Amino acid sequence: MARQLKKAINAIKEDELKIKAATVKYGIPRKTLSDYIRRGTVDKGRTGPETVFPQEEELVSVRQIKRLQQVGFPLTTTFGIRRTNMVVQLVWSNDLENRVQRQTEQEETNDRRLGLMLS
Protein backbone atom coordinates (compact mmCIF):
# COMPACT_ATOMS: atom_id res chain seq x y z
CA MET A 1 0.00 0.00 0.00
CA ALA A 2 2.76 2.45 0.95
CA ARG A 3 4.57 1.88 -2.36
CA GLN A 4 1.33 2.41 -4.30
CA LEU A 5 0.59 5.52 -2.27
CA LYS A 6 4.01 7.00 -3.06
CA LYS A 7 3.56 6.23 -6.75
CA ALA A 8 0.13 7.84 -6.77
CA ILE A 9 1.38 10.97 -5.00
CA ASN A 10 4.34 11.30 -7.37
CA ALA A 11 2.03 10.93 -10.37
CA ILE A 12 -0.25 13.66 -9.02
CA LYS A 13 2.63 15.99 -8.13
CA GLU A 14 4.19 15.58 -11.57
CA ASP A 15 0.84 16.42 -13.18
CA GLU A 16 0.62 13.01 -14.82
CA LEU A 17 -2.70 12.21 -13.16
CA LYS A 18 -5.52 13.98 -11.36
CA ILE A 19 -6.50 12.72 -7.92
CA LYS A 20 -9.58 10.92 -9.23
CA ALA A 21 -7.58 9.11 -11.94
CA ALA A 22 -4.85 8.15 -9.44
CA THR A 23 -7.56 6.80 -7.14
CA VAL A 24 -8.76 4.44 -9.84
CA LYS A 25 -5.31 3.46 -11.12
CA TYR A 26 -3.67 2.79 -7.74
CA GLY A 27 -6.75 1.70 -5.76
CA ILE A 28 -6.30 4.28 -3.00
CA PRO A 29 -9.30 6.17 -1.59
CA ARG A 30 -9.66 9.75 -2.85
CA LYS A 31 -9.78 11.19 0.68
CA THR A 32 -6.56 9.41 1.62
CA LEU A 33 -4.76 10.79 -1.43
CA SER A 34 -6.13 14.27 -0.84
CA ASP A 35 -4.98 14.20 2.77
CA TYR A 36 -1.47 13.13 1.86
CA ILE A 37 -1.21 15.72 -0.93
CA ARG A 38 -2.41 18.46 1.43
CA ARG A 39 0.00 17.32 4.17
CA GLY A 40 2.87 17.15 1.69
CA THR A 41 4.33 13.90 2.98
CA VAL A 42 3.61 10.19 3.03
CA ASP A 43 4.96 9.88 6.56
CA LYS A 44 2.19 10.12 9.10
CA GLY A 45 4.50 11.18 11.89
CA ARG A 46 3.56 10.82 15.49
CA THR A 47 -0.13 10.95 16.35
CA GLY A 48 -1.87 11.31 19.67
CA PRO A 49 -1.09 13.35 22.73
CA GLU A 50 2.42 14.14 23.92
CA THR A 51 4.04 11.58 26.19
CA VAL A 52 4.46 12.31 29.88
CA PHE A 53 7.94 10.80 30.02
CA PRO A 54 10.90 11.56 27.79
CA GLN A 55 11.35 9.03 24.97
CA GLU A 56 14.03 7.01 26.80
CA GLU A 57 11.90 6.60 29.94
CA GLU A 58 8.92 5.66 27.80
CA LEU A 59 10.98 2.88 26.19
CA VAL A 60 12.14 1.64 29.60
CA SER A 61 8.51 1.43 30.76
CA VAL A 62 7.53 -0.49 27.63
CA ARG A 63 10.40 -2.96 28.16
CA GLN A 64 9.39 -3.44 31.81
CA ILE A 65 5.75 -4.05 30.90
CA LYS A 66 6.71 -6.57 28.20
CA ARG A 67 9.04 -8.35 30.60
CA LEU A 68 6.30 -8.60 33.22
CA GLN A 69 3.97 -10.06 30.59
CA GLN A 70 6.58 -12.67 29.64
CA VAL A 71 6.91 -13.90 33.22
CA GLY A 72 3.18 -14.13 33.81
CA PHE A 73 2.17 -10.69 35.07
CA PRO A 74 0.22 -9.09 32.22
CA LEU A 75 -0.67 -5.43 32.23
CA THR A 76 -4.11 -4.90 33.71
CA THR A 77 -6.34 -1.86 33.90
CA THR A 78 -5.68 -1.64 37.63
CA PHE A 79 -1.92 -1.62 37.04
CA GLY A 80 -2.32 1.03 34.34
CA ILE A 81 -4.43 3.23 36.60
CA ARG A 82 -1.98 2.86 39.49
CA ARG A 83 0.95 3.68 37.21
CA THR A 84 -0.87 6.72 35.85
CA ASN A 85 -1.69 7.93 39.37
CA MET A 86 1.96 7.48 40.37
CA VAL A 87 3.08 9.52 37.38
CA VAL A 88 0.57 12.29 38.08
CA GLN A 89 1.66 12.46 41.71
CA LEU A 90 5.32 12.47 40.72
CA VAL A 91 4.84 15.21 38.15
CA TRP A 92 2.71 17.24 40.55
CA SER A 93 5.18 16.88 43.43
CA ASN A 94 8.13 17.78 41.17
CA ASP A 95 6.21 20.76 39.85
CA LEU A 96 5.36 21.84 43.40
CA GLU A 97 8.99 21.43 44.50
CA ASN A 98 10.13 23.48 41.51
CA ARG A 99 7.60 26.23 42.28
CA VAL A 100 8.65 26.35 45.94
CA GLN A 101 12.31 26.46 44.91
CA ARG A 102 11.66 29.31 42.44
CA GLN A 103 9.62 31.19 45.07
CA THR A 104 12.43 30.82 47.61
CA GLU A 105 15.04 32.00 45.10
CA GLN A 106 12.87 34.98 44.17
CA GLU A 107 12.42 35.93 47.82
CA GLU A 108 16.18 35.68 48.41
CA THR A 109 16.82 37.88 45.37
CA ASN A 110 14.27 40.42 46.60
CA ASP A 111 15.88 40.43 50.07
CA ARG A 112 19.32 41.08 48.54
CA ARG A 113 17.95 43.90 46.40
CA LEU A 114 16.20 45.44 49.39
CA GLY A 115 19.41 45.16 51.44
CA LEU A 116 21.36 46.91 48.66
CA MET A 117 18.78 49.67 48.43
CA LEU A 118 18.79 50.25 52.19
CA SER A 119 22.57 50.26 52.60
C-alpha atoms as a PDB file:
ATOM      1  CA  MET A   1       0.000   0.000   0.000  1.00  0.00           C
ATOM      2  CA  ALA A   2       2.763   2.449   0.946  1.00  0.00           C
ATOM      3  CA  ARG A   3       4.569   1.884  -2.356  1.00  0.00           C
ATOM      4  CA  GLN A   4       1.333   2.413  -4.304  1.00  0.00           C
ATOM      5  CA  LEU A   5       0.589   5.517  -2.269  1.00  0.00           C
ATOM      6  CA  LYS A   6       4.012   6.997  -3.057  1.00  0.00           C
ATOM      7  CA  LYS A   7       3.558   6.233  -6.754  1.00  0.00           C
ATOM      8  CA  ALA A   8       0.129   7.844  -6.768  1.00  0.00           C
ATOM      9  CA  ILE A   9       1.382  10.974  -4.996  1.00  0.00           C
ATOM     10  CA  ASN A  10       4.338  11.297  -7.366  1.00  0.00           C
ATOM     11  CA  ALA A  11       2.028  10.929 -10.370  1.00  0.00           C
ATOM     12  CA  ILE A  12      -0.249  13.658  -9.018  1.00  0.00           C
ATOM     13  CA  LYS A  13       2.625  15.990  -8.132  1.00  0.00           C
ATOM     14  CA  GLU A  14       4.190  15.581 -11.573  1.00  0.00           C
ATOM     15  CA  ASP A  15       0.836  16.419 -13.177  1.00  0.00           C
ATOM     16  CA  GLU A  16       0.618  13.009 -14.818  1.00  0.00           C
ATOM     17  CA  LEU A  17      -2.701  12.212 -13.164  1.00  0.00           C
ATOM     18  CA  LYS A  18      -5.517  13.982 -11.363  1.00  0.00           C
ATOM     19  CA  ILE A  19      -6.498  12.724  -7.923  1.00  0.00           C
ATOM     20  CA  LYS A  20      -9.578  10.923  -9.228  1.00  0.00           C
ATOM     21  CA  ALA A  21      -7.578   9.111 -11.936  1.00  0.00           C
ATOM     22  CA  ALA A  22      -4.854   8.153  -9.444  1.00  0.00           C
ATOM     23  CA  THR A  23      -7.556   6.798  -7.137  1.00  0.00           C
ATOM     24  CA  VAL A  24      -8.763   4.443  -9.841  1.00  0.00           C
ATOM     25  CA  LYS A  25      -5.308   3.464 -11.120  1.00  0.00           C
ATOM     26  CA  TYR A  26      -3.670   2.791  -7.741  1.00  0.00           C
ATOM     27  CA  GLY A  27      -6.747   1.701  -5.760  1.00  0.00           C
ATOM     28  CA  ILE A  28      -6.303   4.276  -3.002  1.00  0.00           C
ATOM     29  CA  PRO A  29      -9.304   6.171  -1.586  1.00  0.00           C
ATOM     30  CA  ARG A  30      -9.657   9.750  -2.846  1.00  0.00           C
ATOM     31  CA  LYS A  31      -9.779  11.190   0.676  1.00  0.00           C
ATOM     32  CA  THR A  32      -6.564   9.413   1.616  1.00  0.00           C
ATOM     33  CA  LEU A  33      -4.761  10.793  -1.432  1.00  0.00           C
ATOM     34  CA  SER A  34      -6.132  14.271  -0.837  1.00  0.00           C
ATOM     35  CA  ASP A  35      -4.983  14.198   2.774  1.00  0.00           C
ATOM     36  CA  TYR A  36      -1.470  13.128   1.858  1.00  0.00           C
ATOM     37  CA  ILE A  37      -1.214  15.716  -0.931  1.00  0.00           C
ATOM     38  CA  ARG A  38      -2.413  18.458   1.430  1.00  0.00           C
ATOM     39  CA  ARG A  39       0.000  17.316   4.168  1.00  0.00           C
ATOM     40  CA  GLY A  40       2.867  17.148   1.695  1.00  0.00           C
ATOM     41  CA  THR A  41       4.331  13.898   2.976  1.00  0.00           C
ATOM     42  CA  VAL A  42       3.607  10.193   3.032  1.00  0.00           C
ATOM     43  CA  ASP A  43       4.963   9.879   6.561  1.00  0.00           C
ATOM     44  CA  LYS A  44       2.194  10.122   9.104  1.00  0.00           C
ATOM     45  CA  GLY A  45       4.503  11.175  11.885  1.00  0.00           C
ATOM     46  CA  ARG A  46       3.558  10.822  15.493  1.00  0.00           C
ATOM     47  CA  THR A  47      -0.128  10.947  16.348  1.00  0.00           C
ATOM     48  CA  GLY A  48      -1.873  11.313  19.672  1.00  0.00           C
ATOM     49  CA  PRO A  49      -1.088  13.347  22.734  1.00  0.00           C
ATOM     50  CA  GLU A  50       2.417  14.143  23.921  1.00  0.00           C
ATOM     51  CA  THR A  51       4.036  11.580  26.189  1.00  0.00           C
ATOM     52  CA  VAL A  52       4.458  12.311  29.884  1.00  0.00           C
ATOM     53  CA  PHE A  53       7.937  10.803  30.017  1.00  0.00           C
ATOM     54  CA  PRO A  54      10.905  11.564  27.791  1.00  0.00           C
ATOM     55  CA  GLN A  55      11.347   9.026  24.969  1.00  0.00           C
ATOM     56  CA  GLU A  56      14.032   7.008  26.796  1.00  0.00           C
ATOM     57  CA  GLU A  57      11.904   6.602  29.944  1.00  0.00           C
ATOM     58  CA  GLU A  58       8.919   5.663  27.802  1.00  0.00           C
ATOM     59  CA  LEU A  59      10.978   2.876  26.185  1.00  0.00           C
ATOM     60  CA  VAL A  60      12.142   1.636  29.597  1.00  0.00           C
ATOM     61  CA  SER A  61       8.515   1.430  30.757  1.00  0.00           C
ATOM     62  CA  VAL A  62       7.532  -0.493  27.630  1.00  0.00           C
ATOM     63  CA  ARG A  63      10.398  -2.962  28.159  1.00  0.00           C
ATOM     64  CA  GLN A  64       9.388  -3.444  31.810  1.00  0.00           C
ATOM     65  CA  ILE A  65       5.750  -4.055  30.904  1.00  0.00           C
ATOM     66  CA  LYS A  66       6.707  -6.568  28.195  1.00  0.00           C
ATOM     67  CA  ARG A  67       9.043  -8.354  30.600  1.00  0.00           C
ATOM     68  CA  LEU A  68       6.304  -8.596  33.224  1.00  0.00           C
ATOM     69  CA  GLN A  69       3.970 -10.062  30.592  1.00  0.00           C
ATOM     70  CA  GLN A  70       6.578 -12.668  29.635  1.00  0.00           C
ATOM     71  CA  VAL A  71       6.913 -13.897  33.216  1.00  0.00           C
ATOM     72  CA  GLY A  72       3.183 -14.133  33.812  1.00  0.00           C
ATOM     73  CA  PHE A  73       2.167 -10.693  35.074  1.00  0.00           C
ATOM     74  CA  PRO A  74       0.222  -9.090  32.216  1.00  0.00           C
ATOM     75  CA  LEU A  75      -0.671  -5.427  32.235  1.00  0.00           C
ATOM     76  CA  THR A  76      -4.108  -4.902  33.710  1.00  0.00           C
ATOM     77  CA  THR A  77      -6.344  -1.864  33.896  1.00  0.00           C
ATOM     78  CA  THR A  78      -5.679  -1.639  37.630  1.00  0.00           C
ATOM     79  CA  PHE A  79      -1.921  -1.622  37.038  1.00  0.00           C
ATOM     80  CA  GLY A  80      -2.324   1.026  34.341  1.00  0.00           C
ATOM     81  CA  ILE A  81      -4.434   3.226  36.601  1.00  0.00           C
ATOM     82  CA  ARG A  82      -1.979   2.858  39.491  1.00  0.00           C
ATOM     83  CA  ARG A  83       0.949   3.678  37.213  1.00  0.00           C
ATOM     84  CA  THR A  84      -0.874   6.722  35.853  1.00  0.00           C
ATOM     85  CA  ASN A  85      -1.692   7.926  39.365  1.00  0.00           C
ATOM     86  CA  MET A  86       1.956   7.482  40.366  1.00  0.00           C
ATOM     87  CA  VAL A  87       3.077   9.525  37.378  1.00  0.00           C
ATOM     88  CA  VAL A  88       0.571  12.286  38.075  1.00  0.00           C
ATOM     89  CA  GLN A  89       1.663  12.460  41.711  1.00  0.00           C
ATOM     90  CA  LEU A  90       5.322  12.468  40.715  1.00  0.00           C
ATOM     91  CA  VAL A  91       4.836  15.212  38.145  1.00  0.00           C
ATOM     92  CA  TRP A  92       2.707  17.243  40.551  1.00  0.00           C
ATOM     93  CA  SER A  93       5.185  16.877  43.425  1.00  0.00           C
ATOM     94  CA  ASN A  94       8.131  17.783  41.171  1.00  0.00           C
ATOM     95  CA  ASP A  95       6.215  20.756  39.855  1.00  0.00           C
ATOM     96  CA  LEU A  96       5.360  21.840  43.398  1.00  0.00           C
ATOM     97  CA  GLU A  97       8.985  21.433  44.496  1.00  0.00           C
ATOM     98  CA  ASN A  98      10.128  23.481  41.514  1.00  0.00           C
ATOM     99  CA  ARG A  99       7.605  26.230  42.276  1.00  0.00           C
ATOM    100  CA  VAL A 100       8.646  26.353  45.940  1.00  0.00           C
ATOM    101  CA  GLN A 101      12.308  26.463  44.912  1.00  0.00           C
ATOM    102  CA  ARG A 102      11.656  29.314  42.444  1.00  0.00           C
ATOM    103  CA  GLN A 103       9.624  31.191  45.069  1.00  0.00           C
ATOM    104  CA  THR A 104      12.430  30.824  47.613  1.00  0.00           C
ATOM    105  CA  GLU A 105      15.041  32.000  45.096  1.00  0.00           C
ATOM    106  CA  GLN A 106      12.865  34.980  44.171  1.00  0.00           C
ATOM    107  CA  GLU A 107      12.417  35.927  47.824  1.00  0.00           C
ATOM    108  CA  GLU A 108      16.178  35.684  48.413  1.00  0.00           C
ATOM    109  CA  THR A 109      16.817  37.883  45.370  1.00  0.00           C
ATOM    110  CA  ASN A 110      14.272  40.419  46.596  1.00  0.00           C
ATOM    111  CA  ASP A 111      15.882  40.425  50.069  1.00  0.00           C
ATOM    112  CA  ARG A 112      19.316  41.076  48.539  1.00  0.00           C
ATOM    113  CA  ARG A 113      17.953  43.901  46.402  1.00  0.00           C
ATOM    114  CA  LEU A 114      16.201  45.442  49.390  1.00  0.00           C
ATOM    115  CA  GLY A 115      19.411  45.162  51.439  1.00  0.00           C
ATOM    116  CA  LEU A 116      21.365  46.908  48.656  1.00  0.00           C
ATOM    117  CA  MET A 117      18.776  49.672  48.427  1.00  0.00           C
ATOM    118  CA  LEU A 118      18.792  50.246  52.191  1.00  0.00           C
ATOM    119  CA  SER A 119      22.572  50.261  52.596  1.00  0.00           C
END
